[in-house]
Amino acid sequence: MFKFDFKIESETGDIPLENGEVSTECKGITVAEECSNKDWYKSEEIKPTEDILENIDICKLNSLSKDYKSVALRYMVSGFLLEDIKNNEGDEVTDLKKAEENHSDLIPAVYEGGAKIWECTDDLLMYFAENISTSEWKDKYVLDLGCGSGLLGIYAFNNGAKVTFHDYNKDVLENITIPNVVLNTLQQSDDDDEDIYDFEKLLEKTRYFSGDWEKWCSSQICDKLYDIIVTSETIYNPDNQQKLLNCLHDKLKVDGKVYVAAKTYYFGVGGGLRQFEQLIEKDKRFTFKSLWLSTEGVNREILELRKK
């Protein structure tokens, strides 16, 4: 089994911190070796349909809420969904089901951990709440790259941004990200017993794409450039960091900003912020600076990147 500092949601409404458990075993081969032998998924756009509303009450019952100052986020506890996927043998064998059956948070080029909420996501959300006015997000084009549960993009969405969510796995977008966005469109109704979700707002303000970063950027399936790109814990595999950097450059406006939240080092994988900074310096297309640092446990940091 391969694990590195993933988190499971708590029942308290908080996004919990890492438990410190680290295992570097990966069936006798390294992540880099496994990735080199895989065919990364092509890019495709995921179109939300109103069918999602049929099960949204179940999603709400299995959801948590957390406030970041004046901004409230609601998100599903993915554990209930993953358990259902694992136990329902009649369902199609999806990437999420493969991961659950293998008790793995990462299957290189198959499942990239999008069902888990990572610790640095909370770091970045807290940084936004404490340092960036909510008005700064209004009408901005934002890309949540490697979005997983989509909390970073939802924060921007709740503050009036138009958001593109990108995750490697289609399963994650359909079963976790999109339902989470729907939960954050809840409107007040005259009847307190009835929930109204603004599906039209979702269609107007959001888009969803899956697949490999490199294939997404080269496919021209989305030609949008973004004011702000947010990404959390996407640098763990050093073999994919150049893909990530190329995607950030291709999708960022000239005067745009990138926020990267990550750990200083990912045990058993090889990636980390110091190594990523060396790549940025060698690449020569971005400037970067550190915005925030935590030295508790495994060091965590937030970087801001801008085009030169």
Protein backbone atom coordinates (compact mmCIF):
# COMPACT_ATOMS: atom_id res chain seq x y z
CA MET A 1 0.00 0.00 0.00
CA PHE A 2 1.20 3.51 -0.74
CA LYS A 3 0.32 6.38 1.56
CA PHE A 4 1.80 9.77 2.30
CA ASP A 5 0.21 12.21 4.71
CA PHE A 6 -3.35 11.99 3.40
CA LYS A 7 -6.18 12.95 5.75
CA ILE A 8 -9.62 11.62 6.51
CA GLU A 9 -12.39 14.05 7.32
CA SER A 10 -13.41 14.26 10.95
CA GLU A 11 -16.92 14.41 12.37
CA THR A 12 -16.28 17.78 14.03
CA GLY A 13 -16.68 19.93 10.94
CA ASP A 14 -12.96 20.68 10.74
CA ILE A 15 -10.64 19.60 7.99
CA PRO A 16 -8.30 17.50 10.13
CA LEU A 17 -4.54 17.58 10.17
CA GLU A 18 -2.30 14.76 8.96
CA ASN A 19 -1.85 11.81 11.26
CA GLY A 20 1.85 11.50 10.63
CA GLU A 21 1.58 7.95 9.27
CA VAL A 22 3.96 7.45 6.38
CA SER A 23 4.52 4.32 4.35
CA THR A 24 6.90 4.22 1.41
CA GLU A 25 6.05 0.75 0.18
CA CYS A 26 4.72 0.66 -3.37
CA LYS A 27 4.81 -2.97 -4.49
CA GLY A 28 8.59 -2.94 -4.85
CA ILE A 29 8.88 -0.17 -7.43
CA THR A 30 9.14 3.58 -7.26
CA VAL A 31 6.42 5.99 -8.30
CA ALA A 32 8.69 7.33 -11.04
CA GLU A 33 9.23 3.83 -12.47
CA GLU A 34 5.50 3.11 -12.38
CA CYS A 35 4.61 6.43 -13.99
CA SER A 36 7.05 5.92 -16.84
CA ASN A 37 5.16 2.77 -17.86
CA LYS A 38 1.68 4.31 -17.82
CA ASP A 39 -0.45 5.92 -20.48
CA TRP A 40 -1.83 9.07 -18.88
CA TYR A 41 -5.52 9.77 -19.43
CA LYS A 42 -6.60 12.02 -22.26
CA SER A 43 -8.44 15.22 -21.44
CA GLU A 44 -12.20 15.57 -21.60
CA GLU A 45 -14.80 18.06 -20.43
CA ILE A 46 -17.32 16.84 -17.89
CA LYS A 47 -20.76 18.36 -18.37
CA PRO A 48 -22.88 18.45 -15.18
CA THR A 49 -26.49 17.34 -15.57
CA GLU A 50 -29.46 17.89 -13.29
CA ASP A 51 -29.40 14.16 -12.48
CA ILE A 52 -27.00 15.09 -9.69
CA LEU A 53 -29.89 16.74 -7.87
CA GLU A 54 -31.61 13.36 -7.44
CA ASN A 55 -29.03 12.34 -4.81
CA ILE A 56 -28.06 15.74 -3.45
CA ASP A 57 -30.05 15.28 -0.23
CA ILE A 58 -27.93 12.22 0.57
CA CYS A 59 -24.81 14.28 -0.16
CA LYS A 60 -26.06 17.00 2.19
CA LEU A 61 -26.74 14.51 4.99
CA ASN A 62 -23.16 13.26 4.63
CA SER A 63 -21.53 16.67 4.47
CA LEU A 64 -19.63 19.00 6.76
CA SER A 65 -19.39 22.76 6.88
CA LYS A 66 -16.46 25.00 7.79
CA ASP A 67 -16.22 28.78 7.98
CA TYR A 68 -13.23 30.71 6.74
CA LYS A 69 -14.06 34.03 8.36
CA SER A 70 -17.07 35.28 6.38
CA VAL A 71 -16.94 32.48 3.79
CA ALA A 72 -18.69 29.18 4.54
CA LEU A 73 -17.82 26.01 2.63
CA ARG A 74 -19.89 22.83 2.58
CA TYR A 75 -18.35 19.58 1.38
CA MET A 76 -19.09 15.89 1.47
CA VAL A 77 -17.38 13.46 3.77
CA SER A 78 -15.91 11.35 1.01
CA GLY A 79 -15.55 8.33 3.28
CA PHE A 80 -19.22 7.41 3.00
CA LEU A 81 -19.07 7.63 -0.79
CA LEU A 82 -15.88 5.58 -1.06
CA GLU A 83 -17.28 2.90 1.21
CA ASP A 84 -20.41 2.69 -0.93
CA ILE A 85 -18.33 2.41 -4.11
CA LYS A 86 -16.20 -0.34 -2.60
CA ASN A 87 -19.15 -2.38 -1.35
CA ASN A 88 -21.36 -2.09 -4.42
CA GLU A 89 -20.04 -4.96 -6.51
CA GLY A 90 -22.61 -4.41 -9.24
CA ASP A 91 -21.16 -1.05 -10.19
CA GLU A 92 -18.69 -0.45 -12.99
CA VAL A 93 -15.07 -0.84 -11.91
CA THR A 94 -14.00 2.80 -11.70
CA ASP A 95 -10.69 4.35 -10.71
CA LEU A 96 -12.09 5.23 -7.30
CA LYS A 97 -13.19 1.64 -6.79
CA LYS A 98 -9.77 0.33 -7.82
CA ALA A 99 -8.13 2.61 -5.27
CA GLU A 100 -10.48 1.51 -2.49
CA GLU A 101 -10.09 -2.17 -3.31
CA ASN A 102 -6.32 -1.75 -3.20
CA HIS A 103 -6.51 0.34 0.01
CA SER A 104 -4.38 2.90 -1.79
CA ASP A 105 -4.34 6.69 -1.90
CA LEU A 106 -2.31 6.67 -5.11
CA ILE A 107 -2.18 4.41 -8.16
CA PRO A 108 0.16 6.28 -10.54
CA ALA A 109 -1.53 7.37 -13.77
CA VAL A 110 -4.76 5.67 -12.66
CA TYR A 111 -5.85 7.39 -9.46
CA GLU A 112 -4.08 10.45 -8.08
CA GLY A 113 -5.64 10.85 -4.65
CA GLY A 114 -8.43 13.28 -5.53
CA ALA A 115 -10.95 11.86 -3.06
CA LYS A 116 -8.90 12.93 -0.05
CA ILE A 117 -8.71 16.42 1.42
CA TRP A 118 -5.06 17.23 1.89
CA GLU A 119 -3.66 19.31 4.72
CA CYS A 120 -2.22 22.09 2.57
CA THR A 121 -5.67 22.80 1.16
CA ASP A 122 -6.69 24.04 4.60
CA ASP A 123 -3.49 26.09 4.81
CA LEU A 124 -4.30 27.86 1.57
CA LEU A 125 -7.93 28.46 2.49
CA MET A 126 -6.87 30.01 5.80
CA TYR A 127 -4.32 32.16 3.99
CA PHE A 128 -6.96 33.45 1.57
CA ALA A 129 -9.39 34.21 4.37
CA GLU A 130 -6.82 36.13 6.39
CA ASN A 131 -4.92 37.93 3.63
CA ILE A 132 -7.08 38.45 0.54
CA SER A 133 -10.26 40.51 0.45
CA THR A 134 -13.27 38.53 -0.72
CA SER A 135 -13.92 41.28 -3.28
CA GLU A 136 -10.66 40.36 -5.03
CA TRP A 137 -12.27 37.16 -6.32
CA LYS A 138 -15.37 38.72 -7.85
CA ASP A 139 -15.65 38.14 -11.62
CA LYS A 140 -12.13 36.70 -11.75
CA TYR A 141 -11.38 33.62 -13.85
CA VAL A 142 -9.94 31.02 -11.49
CA LEU A 143 -8.46 27.59 -12.19
CA ASP A 144 -8.41 24.98 -9.41
CA LEU A 145 -5.76 22.61 -10.77
CA GLY A 146 -5.70 19.14 -9.24
CA CYS A 147 -8.93 20.17 -7.56
CA GLY A 148 -9.98 16.92 -5.86
CA SER A 149 -12.90 17.85 -3.61
CA GLY A 150 -12.75 21.32 -5.11
CA LEU A 151 -12.59 23.35 -1.89
CA LEU A 152 -10.16 25.95 -3.22
CA GLY A 153 -12.24 26.56 -6.32
CA ILE A 154 -15.45 26.57 -4.28
CA TYR A 155 -13.99 29.27 -2.04
CA ALA A 156 -13.42 31.42 -5.13
CA PHE A 157 -16.86 30.45 -6.52
CA ASN A 158 -18.57 31.49 -3.28
CA ASN A 159 -16.83 34.87 -3.60
CA GLY A 160 -18.12 35.51 -7.13
CA ALA A 161 -15.40 34.02 -9.34
CA LYS A 162 -15.89 31.98 -12.50
CA VAL A 163 -14.09 28.73 -11.79
CA THR A 164 -12.66 25.90 -13.85
CA PHE A 165 -12.12 22.69 -11.88
CA HIS A 166 -9.52 20.26 -13.21
CA ASP A 167 -8.77 16.86 -11.71
CA TYR A 168 -6.97 13.90 -13.22
CA ASN A 169 -9.89 11.56 -12.53
CA LYS A 170 -13.31 11.90 -14.14
CA ASP A 171 -14.72 9.81 -11.27
CA VAL A 172 -13.63 12.41 -8.73
CA LEU A 173 -15.23 15.27 -10.65
CA GLU A 174 -18.53 13.47 -11.15
CA ASN A 175 -18.87 11.93 -7.70
CA ILE A 176 -17.19 14.48 -5.41
CA THR A 177 -16.29 17.83 -6.98
CA ILE A 178 -19.55 18.60 -8.77
CA PRO A 179 -21.79 17.51 -5.86
CA ASN A 180 -19.68 19.72 -3.57
CA VAL A 181 -20.20 22.70 -5.86
CA VAL A 182 -23.94 22.00 -5.95
CA LEU A 183 -24.03 21.95 -2.14
CA ASN A 184 -22.59 25.46 -2.19
CA THR A 185 -25.40 26.81 -4.37
CA LEU A 186 -28.05 26.21 -1.71
CA GLN A 187 -30.58 29.04 -1.61
CA GLN A 188 -33.03 30.03 1.07
CA SER A 189 -36.64 29.11 0.30
CA ASP A 190 -39.97 30.25 1.70
CA ASP A 191 -40.52 26.69 2.85
CA ASP A 192 -37.86 25.81 5.43
CA ASP A 193 -38.34 22.12 4.69
CA GLU A 194 -37.32 22.49 1.05
CA ASP A 195 -33.78 23.03 -0.22
CA ILE A 196 -33.27 24.87 -3.49
CA TYR A 197 -30.00 24.45 -5.36
CA ASP A 198 -29.02 26.94 -8.04
CA PHE A 199 -28.01 24.55 -10.82
CA GLU A 200 -28.10 27.36 -13.39
CA LYS A 201 -25.45 29.24 -11.43
CA LEU A 202 -23.27 26.16 -11.52
CA LEU A 203 -23.61 25.93 -15.31
CA GLU A 204 -22.95 29.64 -15.74
CA LYS A 205 -20.00 30.01 -13.38
CA THR A 206 -18.12 26.68 -13.55
CA ARG A 207 -16.52 24.19 -15.94
CA TYR A 208 -14.95 20.78 -15.31
CA PHE A 209 -12.10 18.96 -17.05
CA SER A 210 -10.33 15.66 -16.41
CA GLY A 211 -7.15 14.04 -17.66
CA ASP A 212 -3.44 14.61 -17.87
CA TRP A 213 -2.21 18.22 -17.55
CA GLU A 214 -0.07 18.02 -20.67
CA LYS A 215 -2.84 16.52 -22.76
CA TRP A 216 -5.35 19.08 -21.46
CA CYS A 217 -3.14 22.02 -22.40
CA SER A 218 -2.32 20.65 -25.85
CA SER A 219 -5.88 19.59 -26.70
CA GLN A 220 -7.30 23.12 -27.01
CA ILE A 221 -10.43 21.74 -25.34
CA CYS A 222 -10.28 24.84 -23.15
CA ASP A 223 -8.60 28.00 -24.44
CA LYS A 224 -9.36 30.09 -21.36
CA LEU A 225 -6.59 32.02 -19.56
CA TYR A 226 -6.92 32.61 -15.84
CA ASP A 227 -6.39 35.52 -13.46
CA ILE A 228 -5.65 33.17 -10.58
CA ILE A 229 -4.56 29.52 -10.48
CA VAL A 230 -4.72 27.62 -7.19
CA THR A 231 -3.16 24.22 -6.63
CA SER A 232 -2.56 22.18 -3.48
CA GLU A 233 -0.13 19.28 -3.01
CA THR A 234 0.32 18.59 -6.71
CA ILE A 235 4.15 18.52 -6.72
CA TYR A 236 4.63 15.18 -4.93
CA ASN A 237 5.80 13.37 -8.09
CA PRO A 238 8.95 15.09 -9.46
CA ASP A 239 8.45 13.42 -12.86
CA ASN A 240 5.22 15.40 -13.30
CA GLN A 241 6.46 18.77 -12.10
CA GLN A 242 7.52 20.00 -15.54
CA LYS A 243 4.05 19.13 -16.84
CA LEU A 244 2.58 21.15 -13.99
CA LEU A 245 4.84 24.13 -14.61
CA ASN A 246 4.07 24.09 -18.35
CA CYS A 247 0.34 23.97 -17.60
CA LEU A 248 0.60 26.88 -15.16
CA HIS A 249 2.44 28.93 -17.78
CA ASP A 250 0.06 28.05 -20.62
CA LYS A 251 -3.10 28.80 -18.60
CA LEU A 252 -2.05 31.93 -16.69
CA LYS A 253 -2.71 35.47 -17.88
CA VAL A 254 0.33 37.73 -18.24
CA ASP A 255 -0.53 39.59 -15.05
CA GLY A 256 -2.01 36.57 -13.25
CA LYS A 257 -0.94 34.84 -10.04
CA VAL A 258 -0.44 31.21 -9.05
CA TYR A 259 -0.77 29.96 -5.48
CA VAL A 260 1.01 26.67 -4.77
CA ALA A 261 0.52 24.99 -1.37
CA ALA A 262 2.69 21.97 -0.61
CA LYS A 263 4.95 20.19 1.82
CA THR A 264 8.69 20.79 1.84
CA TYR A 265 9.24 17.10 1.19
CA TYR A 266 7.07 14.07 0.35
CA PHE A 267 8.56 10.98 1.93
CA GLY A 268 8.71 7.95 -0.30
CA VAL A 269 7.94 9.94 -3.46
CA GLY A 270 10.83 12.36 -3.92
CA GLY A 271 9.03 15.60 -4.68
CA GLY A 272 9.06 18.70 -2.53
CA LEU A 273 9.11 22.48 -2.57
CA ARG A 274 12.88 22.99 -2.60
CA GLN A 275 13.18 20.65 -5.57
CA PHE A 276 10.23 22.39 -7.27
CA GLU A 277 11.86 25.80 -6.71
CA GLN A 278 15.02 24.55 -8.40
CA LEU A 279 12.92 23.55 -11.40
CA ILE A 280 11.28 27.01 -11.50
CA GLU A 281 14.70 28.68 -11.47
CA LYS A 282 15.97 26.40 -14.22
CA ASP A 283 12.80 26.92 -16.28
CA LYS A 284 13.20 30.74 -16.07
CA ARG A 285 9.59 31.64 -16.92
CA PHE A 286 8.36 32.46 -13.40
CA THR A 287 9.38 34.42 -10.37
CA PHE A 288 8.33 33.04 -7.00
CA LYS A 289 8.20 34.00 -3.35
CA SER A 290 7.16 32.34 -0.13
CA LEU A 291 3.96 33.73 1.40
CA TRP A 292 3.54 31.46 4.42
CA LEU A 293 5.45 28.73 6.25
CA SER A 294 4.58 26.22 8.96
CA THR A 295 7.34 24.29 10.72
CA GLU A 296 5.00 22.04 12.69
CA GLY A 297 5.57 18.41 11.76
CA VAL A 298 6.47 18.14 8.09
CA ASN A 299 7.10 21.71 6.93
CA ARG A 300 4.33 23.19 4.80
CA GLU A 301 4.53 26.30 2.67
CA ILE A 302 2.62 28.53 0.26
CA LEU A 303 4.35 29.98 -2.81
CA GLU A 304 3.18 32.71 -5.17
CA LEU A 305 4.30 32.45 -8.80
CA ARG A 306 4.14 35.18 -11.43
CA LYS A 307 5.22 35.24 -15.04
CA LYS A 308 8.45 37.11 -15.79
